[in-house]
Amino acid sequence: MGILEVKGVGKRFGGLQALGDVNLSVAENSCHAIIGPNGAGKSTLLNCLIGKLIPDTGSVTFEGQSVLGRSPHEINQMGISRVFQTPEIFADLSVLENMLIPCFAKRDGSFELNAISAVRNQKDVQDKAMHMLEDMNLADKRHMHAASMSRGDKRRLEIAMCLAQEPRLLLLDEPTAGMARADTNNTIDLLKQIKEERDITIAIIEHDMHVVFSLADRITVLAQGTPLVEDTPDKIKGHPKVREAYLGESAD
């Protein structure tokens, strides 16, 4: 049984079936990629995984607990952190101030933005924030205005903010979207490092096959809301059903 279990999930929007009988098991401490052409149901599935959407049928559980209908704060308390396509950072704050927030708040939800000044001089919080920035090669940018960072550095900061809360599951929605190739490769290297050094499970939705095949231990391919095939990257490459879904080639 995986750390994240999706069983018989189906979701319709009016007459459109977005997901149909999706079953998925994400093994602990693995990187599991979910891929598929546009309209395959990837975003709908992600929204079910984070409790944002409640499916019409089926269940989604994390460590045996249902995530359905839970608030973002409750999802965070369960040990799930999320990284969306557009980096979600506090653009009006410095890099270090962004990092202080999760280092202080953890999962109790008690931290407020106007309390930053109260924790700037708390050595344990400051030390943890600086340690996280050093791990992400962002320490030299700690005084930079977050809005002025490159997209790749914004993503790196957002991932650092997630990791500061010590999640057991990191969900990534196209983390390299809109990046230059150099930033994409840096993000791949960062995620490889996280995977190797931390006790964490990663689930990733991604269009860039270079990213997927660089990171994933296992891949699920969706098409029209239904899983086509699930296997290791080596077996997914060139799979006839995958070629048909992406390229329109016959699987016969």
C-alpha atoms as a PDB file:
ATOM      1  CA  MET A   1       0.000   0.000   0.000  1.00  0.00           C
ATOM      2  CA  GLY A   2       1.381   3.396  -1.020  1.00  0.00           C
ATOM      3  CA  ILE A   3       1.682   6.530   1.080  1.00  0.00           C
ATOM      4  CA  LEU A   4      -0.830   8.140  -1.320  1.00  0.00           C
ATOM      5  CA  GLU A   5      -3.727   6.017  -2.605  1.00  0.00           C
ATOM      6  CA  VAL A   6      -6.263   6.956  -5.280  1.00  0.00           C
ATOM      7  CA  LYS A   7      -9.054   4.403  -5.708  1.00  0.00           C
ATOM      8  CA  GLY A   8     -11.824   4.500  -8.299  1.00  0.00           C
ATOM      9  CA  VAL A   9     -11.811   8.295  -8.614  1.00  0.00           C
ATOM     10  CA  GLY A  10     -14.242   9.784 -11.107  1.00  0.00           C
ATOM     11  CA  LYS A  11     -15.198  13.405 -11.704  1.00  0.00           C
ATOM     12  CA  ARG A  12     -17.633  15.013 -14.118  1.00  0.00           C
ATOM     13  CA  PHE A  13     -18.276  18.665 -14.926  1.00  0.00           C
ATOM     14  CA  GLY A  14     -21.759  18.714 -16.395  1.00  0.00           C
ATOM     15  CA  GLY A  15     -21.664  16.403 -19.391  1.00  0.00           C
ATOM     16  CA  LEU A  16     -17.852  16.257 -19.465  1.00  0.00           C
ATOM     17  CA  GLN A  17     -16.076  13.355 -17.809  1.00  0.00           C
ATOM     18  CA  ALA A  18     -12.776  14.751 -16.533  1.00  0.00           C
ATOM     19  CA  LEU A  19     -11.721  11.615 -14.657  1.00  0.00           C
ATOM     20  CA  GLY A  20     -12.992   8.069 -14.953  1.00  0.00           C
ATOM     21  CA  ASP A  21     -12.136   5.286 -12.499  1.00  0.00           C
ATOM     22  CA  VAL A  22      -8.591   6.457 -11.726  1.00  0.00           C
ATOM     23  CA  ASN A  23      -6.519   4.160  -9.538  1.00  0.00           C
ATOM     24  CA  LEU A  24      -3.067   5.237  -8.418  1.00  0.00           C
ATOM     25  CA  SER A  25      -0.638   4.191  -5.702  1.00  0.00           C
ATOM     26  CA  VAL A  26       2.413   6.318  -4.874  1.00  0.00           C
ATOM     27  CA  ALA A  27       5.128   4.407  -3.034  1.00  0.00           C
ATOM     28  CA  GLU A  28       6.767   6.040  -0.041  1.00  0.00           C
ATOM     29  CA  ASN A  29      10.089   7.823  -0.740  1.00  0.00           C
ATOM     30  CA  SER A  30       9.591   7.537  -4.507  1.00  0.00           C
ATOM     31  CA  CYS A  31       9.064  10.077  -7.275  1.00  0.00           C
ATOM     32  CA  HIS A  32       5.856   9.327  -9.163  1.00  0.00           C
ATOM     33  CA  ALA A  33       5.086  11.319 -12.317  1.00  0.00           C
ATOM     34  CA  ILE A  34       1.626  11.826 -13.806  1.00  0.00           C
ATOM     35  CA  ILE A  35       1.746  12.738 -17.481  1.00  0.00           C
ATOM     36  CA  GLY A  36      -0.679  13.046 -20.353  1.00  0.00           C
ATOM     37  CA  PRO A  37      -1.637  15.285 -23.271  1.00  0.00           C
ATOM     38  CA  ASN A  38      -3.617  18.499 -22.758  1.00  0.00           C
ATOM     39  CA  GLY A  39      -7.092  17.739 -21.436  1.00  0.00           C
ATOM     40  CA  ALA A  40      -6.059  14.367 -20.027  1.00  0.00           C
ATOM     41  CA  GLY A  41      -7.333  15.229 -16.530  1.00  0.00           C
ATOM     42  CA  LYS A  42      -4.013  15.917 -14.797  1.00  0.00           C
ATOM     43  CA  SER A  43      -5.062  19.201 -13.171  1.00  0.00           C
ATOM     44  CA  THR A  44      -8.398  17.756 -12.087  1.00  0.00           C
ATOM     45  CA  LEU A  45      -6.607  14.822 -10.487  1.00  0.00           C
ATOM     46  CA  LEU A  46      -4.159  17.144  -8.707  1.00  0.00           C
ATOM     47  CA  ASN A  47      -7.052  19.182  -7.309  1.00  0.00           C
ATOM     48  CA  CYS A  48      -8.543  15.948  -5.952  1.00  0.00           C
ATOM     49  CA  LEU A  49      -5.192  15.023  -4.375  1.00  0.00           C
ATOM     50  CA  ILE A  50      -5.042  18.298  -2.440  1.00  0.00           C
ATOM     51  CA  GLY A  51      -8.688  18.225  -1.358  1.00  0.00           C
ATOM     52  CA  LYS A  52      -9.657  21.173  -3.545  1.00  0.00           C
ATOM     53  CA  LEU A  53     -12.096  19.066  -5.568  1.00  0.00           C
ATOM     54  CA  ILE A  54     -14.266  16.297  -4.223  1.00  0.00           C
ATOM     55  CA  PRO A  55     -14.636  13.497  -6.794  1.00  0.00           C
ATOM     56  CA  ASP A  56     -18.051  12.105  -7.667  1.00  0.00           C
ATOM     57  CA  THR A  57     -16.801   8.586  -6.967  1.00  0.00           C
ATOM     58  CA  GLY A  58     -13.822   7.006  -5.259  1.00  0.00           C
ATOM     59  CA  SER A  59     -11.389   7.969  -2.510  1.00  0.00           C
ATOM     60  CA  VAL A  60      -8.038   9.707  -2.016  1.00  0.00           C
ATOM     61  CA  THR A  61      -6.063   8.896   1.120  1.00  0.00           C
ATOM     62  CA  PHE A  62      -2.687   9.963   2.469  1.00  0.00           C
ATOM     63  CA  GLU A  63      -1.193   7.637   5.075  1.00  0.00           C
ATOM     64  CA  GLY A  64      -4.651   6.096   5.409  1.00  0.00           C
ATOM     65  CA  GLN A  65      -6.487   9.395   6.014  1.00  0.00           C
ATOM     66  CA  SER A  66      -8.883  10.919   3.521  1.00  0.00           C
ATOM     67  CA  VAL A  67      -7.837  14.254   2.012  1.00  0.00           C
ATOM     68  CA  LEU A  68     -11.228  14.962   0.468  1.00  0.00           C
ATOM     69  CA  GLY A  69     -12.872  18.233   1.456  1.00  0.00           C
ATOM     70  CA  ARG A  70     -10.010  19.343   3.701  1.00  0.00           C
ATOM     71  CA  SER A  71      -8.844  22.955   3.826  1.00  0.00           C
ATOM     72  CA  PRO A  72      -5.351  23.923   2.603  1.00  0.00           C
ATOM     73  CA  HIS A  73      -4.270  24.340   6.219  1.00  0.00           C
ATOM     74  CA  GLU A  74      -5.524  20.842   7.086  1.00  0.00           C
ATOM     75  CA  ILE A  75      -3.724  19.391   4.070  1.00  0.00           C
ATOM     76  CA  ASN A  76      -0.552  21.108   5.252  1.00  0.00           C
ATOM     77  CA  GLN A  77      -0.993  19.745   8.764  1.00  0.00           C
ATOM     78  CA  MET A  78      -1.229  16.224   7.329  1.00  0.00           C
ATOM     79  CA  GLY A  79       2.275  16.611   5.919  1.00  0.00           C
ATOM     80  CA  ILE A  80       1.494  17.528   2.297  1.00  0.00           C
ATOM     81  CA  SER A  81       3.075  20.547   0.629  1.00  0.00           C
ATOM     82  CA  ARG A  82       2.165  21.831  -2.836  1.00  0.00           C
ATOM     83  CA  VAL A  83       4.067  23.679  -5.534  1.00  0.00           C
ATOM     84  CA  PHE A  84       1.911  25.074  -8.319  1.00  0.00           C
ATOM     85  CA  GLN A  85       2.748  26.210 -11.853  1.00  0.00           C
ATOM     86  CA  THR A  86       3.185  29.858 -10.856  1.00  0.00           C
ATOM     87  CA  PRO A  87       5.577  30.285  -7.902  1.00  0.00           C
ATOM     88  CA  GLU A  88       3.650  31.337  -4.789  1.00  0.00           C
ATOM     89  CA  ILE A  89       5.919  33.579  -2.750  1.00  0.00           C
ATOM     90  CA  PHE A  90       5.472  36.894  -0.955  1.00  0.00           C
ATOM     91  CA  ALA A  91       6.720  39.239  -3.676  1.00  0.00           C
ATOM     92  CA  ASP A  92       6.785  42.314  -1.409  1.00  0.00           C
ATOM     93  CA  LEU A  93       9.175  40.681   1.069  1.00  0.00           C
ATOM     94  CA  SER A  94      12.856  39.875   0.872  1.00  0.00           C
ATOM     95  CA  VAL A  95      14.086  36.346   0.197  1.00  0.00           C
ATOM     96  CA  LEU A  96      15.031  35.923   3.854  1.00  0.00           C
ATOM     97  CA  GLU A  97      11.685  37.268   5.079  1.00  0.00           C
ATOM     98  CA  ASN A  98       9.917  34.737   2.847  1.00  0.00           C
ATOM     99  CA  MET A  99      12.015  31.992   4.395  1.00  0.00           C
ATOM    100  CA  LEU A 100      11.332  33.123   7.972  1.00  0.00           C
ATOM    101  CA  ILE A 101       7.597  32.520   7.577  1.00  0.00           C
ATOM    102  CA  PRO A 102       7.556  28.698   7.251  1.00  0.00           C
ATOM    103  CA  CYS A 103      10.561  28.321   9.556  1.00  0.00           C
ATOM    104  CA  PHE A 104       8.589  30.016  12.328  1.00  0.00           C
ATOM    105  CA  ALA A 105       5.060  28.859  11.583  1.00  0.00           C
ATOM    106  CA  LYS A 106       5.644  25.193  10.717  1.00  0.00           C
ATOM    107  CA  ARG A 107       2.168  23.676  10.586  1.00  0.00           C
ATOM    108  CA  ASP A 108       0.356  25.425  13.412  1.00  0.00           C
ATOM    109  CA  GLY A 109      -1.056  28.166  11.190  1.00  0.00           C
ATOM    110  CA  SER A 110      -0.413  30.809  13.851  1.00  0.00           C
ATOM    111  CA  PHE A 111       2.054  33.018  11.997  1.00  0.00           C
ATOM    112  CA  GLU A 112       0.972  36.357  10.542  1.00  0.00           C
ATOM    113  CA  LEU A 113       2.894  38.516   8.094  1.00  0.00           C
ATOM    114  CA  ASN A 114       2.977  41.447  10.509  1.00  0.00           C
ATOM    115  CA  ALA A 115       4.880  39.256  12.979  1.00  0.00           C
ATOM    116  CA  ILE A 116       8.008  39.058  10.803  1.00  0.00           C
ATOM    117  CA  SER A 117       9.704  41.830  12.771  1.00  0.00           C
ATOM    118  CA  ALA A 118       9.152  39.855  15.971  1.00  0.00           C
ATOM    119  CA  VAL A 119      11.093  36.824  14.729  1.00  0.00           C
ATOM    120  CA  ARG A 120      13.881  38.475  12.727  1.00  0.00           C
ATOM    121  CA  ASN A 121      16.141  38.310  15.761  1.00  0.00           C
ATOM    122  CA  GLN A 122      15.115  34.894  17.052  1.00  0.00           C
ATOM    123  CA  LYS A 123      18.345  32.990  16.515  1.00  0.00           C
ATOM    124  CA  ASP A 124      16.853  29.509  16.051  1.00  0.00           C
ATOM    125  CA  VAL A 125      14.411  30.742  13.407  1.00  0.00           C
ATOM    126  CA  GLN A 126      17.069  32.857  11.716  1.00  0.00           C
ATOM    127  CA  ASP A 127      19.521  29.942  11.702  1.00  0.00           C
ATOM    128  CA  LYS A 128      16.991  27.553  10.192  1.00  0.00           C
ATOM    129  CA  ALA A 129      16.014  30.064   7.511  1.00  0.00           C
ATOM    130  CA  MET A 130      19.636  30.671   6.585  1.00  0.00           C
ATOM    131  CA  HIS A 131      20.376  26.948   6.556  1.00  0.00           C
ATOM    132  CA  MET A 132      17.497  26.355   4.134  1.00  0.00           C
ATOM    133  CA  LEU A 133      18.675  29.194   1.896  1.00  0.00           C
ATOM    134  CA  GLU A 134      22.206  27.784   1.897  1.00  0.00           C
ATOM    135  CA  ASP A 135      20.865  24.374   0.887  1.00  0.00           C
ATOM    136  CA  MET A 136      19.093  26.021  -2.049  1.00  0.00           C
ATOM    137  CA  ASN A 137      22.099  28.192  -3.027  1.00  0.00           C
ATOM    138  CA  LEU A 138      20.081  31.313  -2.211  1.00  0.00           C
ATOM    139  CA  ALA A 139      21.955  32.601   0.828  1.00  0.00           C
ATOM    140  CA  ASP A 140      23.750  35.282  -1.170  1.00  0.00           C
ATOM    141  CA  LYS A 141      20.355  36.591  -2.322  1.00  0.00           C
ATOM    142  CA  ARG A 142      18.795  36.764   1.136  1.00  0.00           C
ATOM    143  CA  HIS A 143      18.364  40.554   1.081  1.00  0.00           C
ATOM    144  CA  MET A 144      17.025  40.637  -2.475  1.00  0.00           C
ATOM    145  CA  HIS A 145      13.429  41.702  -3.073  1.00  0.00           C
ATOM    146  CA  ALA A 146      11.642  38.448  -3.943  1.00  0.00           C
ATOM    147  CA  ALA A 147       9.797  40.044  -6.867  1.00  0.00           C
ATOM    148  CA  SER A 148      13.104  40.761  -8.599  1.00  0.00           C
ATOM    149  CA  MET A 149      14.272  37.136  -8.623  1.00  0.00           C
ATOM    150  CA  SER A 150      14.407  35.004 -11.766  1.00  0.00           C
ATOM    151  CA  ARG A 151      11.616  32.470 -12.230  1.00  0.00           C
ATOM    152  CA  GLY A 152      14.043  29.662 -11.465  1.00  0.00           C
ATOM    153  CA  ASP A 153      15.143  31.271  -8.189  1.00  0.00           C
ATOM    154  CA  LYS A 154      11.525  31.986  -7.249  1.00  0.00           C
ATOM    155  CA  ARG A 155      10.782  28.289  -7.733  1.00  0.00           C
ATOM    156  CA  ARG A 156      13.837  27.347  -5.686  1.00  0.00           C
ATOM    157  CA  LEU A 157      12.658  29.667  -2.879  1.00  0.00           C
ATOM    158  CA  GLU A 158       9.134  28.258  -2.989  1.00  0.00           C
ATOM    159  CA  ILE A 159      10.446  24.700  -2.732  1.00  0.00           C
ATOM    160  CA  ALA A 160      12.657  25.747   0.188  1.00  0.00           C
ATOM    161  CA  MET A 161       9.623  27.254   1.932  1.00  0.00           C
ATOM    162  CA  CYS A 162       7.740  23.984   1.471  1.00  0.00           C
ATOM    163  CA  LEU A 163      10.625  21.873   2.764  1.00  0.00           C
ATOM    164  CA  ALA A 164      11.005  24.054   5.861  1.00  0.00           C
ATOM    165  CA  GLN A 165       7.666  22.653   7.010  1.00  0.00           C
ATOM    166  CA  GLU A 166       9.116  19.133   6.813  1.00  0.00           C
ATOM    167  CA  PRO A 167       6.418  17.565   4.599  1.00  0.00           C
ATOM    168  CA  ARG A 168       6.274  13.853   3.896  1.00  0.00           C
ATOM    169  CA  LEU A 169       4.706  14.402   0.470  1.00  0.00           C
ATOM    170  CA  LEU A 170       5.658  17.127  -2.011  1.00  0.00           C
ATOM    171  CA  LEU A 171       3.204  17.676  -4.889  1.00  0.00           C
ATOM    172  CA  LEU A 172       4.614  19.539  -7.875  1.00  0.00           C
ATOM    173  CA  ASP A 173       2.426  20.911 -10.666  1.00  0.00           C
ATOM    174  CA  GLU A 174       4.656  21.569 -13.694  1.00  0.00           C
ATOM    175  CA  PRO A 175       7.452  23.076 -11.575  1.00  0.00           C
ATOM    176  CA  THR A 176       9.559  23.975 -14.633  1.00  0.00           C
ATOM    177  CA  ALA A 177       6.772  25.690 -16.618  1.00  0.00           C
ATOM    178  CA  GLY A 178       7.981  28.892 -18.263  1.00  0.00           C
ATOM    179  CA  MET A 179      11.618  28.326 -17.336  1.00  0.00           C
ATOM    180  CA  ALA A 180      14.665  28.651 -19.544  1.00  0.00           C
ATOM    181  CA  ARG A 181      16.502  25.368 -20.106  1.00  0.00           C
ATOM    182  CA  ALA A 182      19.292  26.324 -17.672  1.00  0.00           C
ATOM    183  CA  ASP A 183      16.742  26.993 -14.900  1.00  0.00           C
ATOM    184  CA  THR A 184      14.944  23.749 -15.783  1.00  0.00           C
ATOM    185  CA  ASN A 185      18.165  21.762 -15.433  1.00  0.00           C
ATOM    186  CA  ASN A 186      18.938  23.496 -12.130  1.00  0.00           C
ATOM    187  CA  THR A 187      15.463  22.591 -10.845  1.00  0.00           C
ATOM    188  CA  ILE A 188      15.970  18.965 -11.902  1.00  0.00           C
ATOM    189  CA  ASP A 189      19.273  18.869 -10.018  1.00  0.00           C
ATOM    190  CA  LEU A 190      17.606  20.413  -6.963  1.00  0.00           C
ATOM    191  CA  LEU A 191      14.773  17.865  -6.954  1.00  0.00           C
ATOM    192  CA  LYS A 192      17.251  15.011  -7.402  1.00  0.00           C
ATOM    193  CA  GLN A 193      19.145  16.288  -4.372  1.00  0.00           C
ATOM    194  CA  ILE A 194      15.939  16.558  -2.337  1.00  0.00           C
ATOM    195  CA  LYS A 195      14.937  13.034  -3.351  1.00  0.00           C
ATOM    196  CA  GLU A 196      18.333  11.595  -2.374  1.00  0.00           C
ATOM    197  CA  GLU A 197      18.877  13.478   0.879  1.00  0.00           C
ATOM    198  CA  ARG A 198      15.429  13.805   2.441  1.00  0.00           C
ATOM    199  CA  ASP A 199      12.845  11.345   3.695  1.00  0.00           C
ATOM    200  CA  ILE A 200      10.182  12.610   1.315  1.00  0.00           C
ATOM    201  CA  THR A 201       7.841  11.353  -1.390  1.00  0.00           C
ATOM    202  CA  ILE A 202       7.401  13.387  -4.576  1.00  0.00           C
ATOM    203  CA  ALA A 203       4.458  13.336  -6.971  1.00  0.00           C
ATOM    204  CA  ILE A 204       4.885  15.460 -10.077  1.00  0.00           C
ATOM    205  CA  ILE A 205       2.638  16.563 -12.928  1.00  0.00           C
ATOM    206  CA  GLU A 206       4.767  17.688 -15.831  1.00  0.00           C
ATOM    207  CA  HIS A 207       4.656  18.171 -19.616  1.00  0.00           C
ATOM    208  CA  ASP A 208       8.422  18.264 -20.089  1.00  0.00           C
ATOM    209  CA  MET A 209       9.498  14.660 -20.702  1.00  0.00           C
ATOM    210  CA  HIS A 210      13.131  15.588 -19.992  1.00  0.00           C
ATOM    211  CA  VAL A 211      12.059  16.477 -16.446  1.00  0.00           C
ATOM    212  CA  VAL A 212       9.887  13.382 -16.063  1.00  0.00           C
ATOM    213  CA  PHE A 213      12.473  10.873 -17.257  1.00  0.00           C
ATOM    214  CA  SER A 214      15.196  12.573 -15.206  1.00  0.00           C
ATOM    215  CA  LEU A 215      13.293  12.257 -11.923  1.00  0.00           C
ATOM    216  CA  ALA A 216      10.537   9.646 -11.909  1.00  0.00           C
ATOM    217  CA  ASP A 217      10.760   6.139 -10.505  1.00  0.00           C
ATOM    218  CA  ARG A 218       7.316   5.368 -11.861  1.00  0.00           C
ATOM    219  CA  ILE A 219       5.022   7.075 -14.369  1.00  0.00           C
ATOM    220  CA  THR A 220       1.247   7.050 -14.812  1.00  0.00           C
ATOM    221  CA  VAL A 221      -0.020   8.129 -18.234  1.00  0.00           C
ATOM    222  CA  LEU A 222      -3.508   9.657 -18.422  1.00  0.00           C
ATOM    223  CA  ALA A 223      -5.600  10.150 -21.546  1.00  0.00           C
ATOM    224  CA  GLN A 224      -9.161  11.503 -21.544  1.00  0.00           C
ATOM    225  CA  GLY A 225      -9.330  11.162 -17.771  1.00  0.00           C
ATOM    226  CA  THR A 226      -8.403   7.480 -17.707  1.00  0.00           C
ATOM    227  CA  PRO A 227      -5.057   5.831 -16.898  1.00  0.00           C
ATOM    228  CA  LEU A 228      -3.583   4.284 -20.041  1.00  0.00           C
ATOM    229  CA  VAL A 229      -0.530   2.671 -18.547  1.00  0.00           C
ATOM    230  CA  GLU A 230       1.622   2.804 -15.415  1.00  0.00           C
ATOM    231  CA  ASP A 231       5.213   1.590 -15.420  1.00  0.00           C
ATOM    232  CA  THR A 232       8.858   2.486 -14.990  1.00  0.00           C
ATOM    233  CA  PRO A 233      10.350   5.218 -17.205  1.00  0.00           C
ATOM    234  CA  ASP A 234      12.284   2.704 -19.335  1.00  0.00           C
ATOM    235  CA  LYS A 235       9.084   0.837 -20.170  1.00  0.00           C
ATOM    236  CA  ILE A 236       7.036   3.992 -20.734  1.00  0.00           C
ATOM    237  CA  LYS A 237       9.447   5.243 -23.399  1.00  0.00           C
ATOM    238  CA  GLY A 238       8.118   4.135 -26.767  1.00  0.00           C
ATOM    239  CA  HIS A 239       5.073   2.391 -25.290  1.00  0.00           C
ATOM    240  CA  PRO A 240       2.488   2.084 -28.103  1.00  0.00           C
ATOM    241  CA  LYS A 241      -0.378   3.451 -25.997  1.00  0.00           C
ATOM    242  CA  VAL A 242       1.722   6.452 -25.014  1.00  0.00           C
ATOM    243  CA  ARG A 243       2.622   7.115 -28.659  1.00  0.00           C
ATOM    244  CA  GLU A 244      -1.039   6.935 -29.549  1.00  0.00           C
ATOM    245  CA  ALA A 245      -2.065   9.366 -26.791  1.00  0.00           C
ATOM    246  CA  TYR A 246       0.611  11.920 -27.602  1.00  0.00           C
ATOM    247  CA  LEU A 247       1.188  11.505 -31.319  1.00  0.00           C
ATOM    248  CA  GLY A 248      -2.011   9.995 -32.648  1.00  0.00           C
ATOM    249  CA  GLU A 249      -0.166   6.909 -33.830  1.00  0.00           C
ATOM    250  CA  SER A 250      -2.021   3.623 -33.907  1.00  0.00           C
ATOM    251  CA  ALA A 251      -1.341   1.328 -30.988  1.00  0.00           C
ATOM    252  CA  ASP A 252      -2.156  -1.724 -33.100  1.00  0.00           C
END
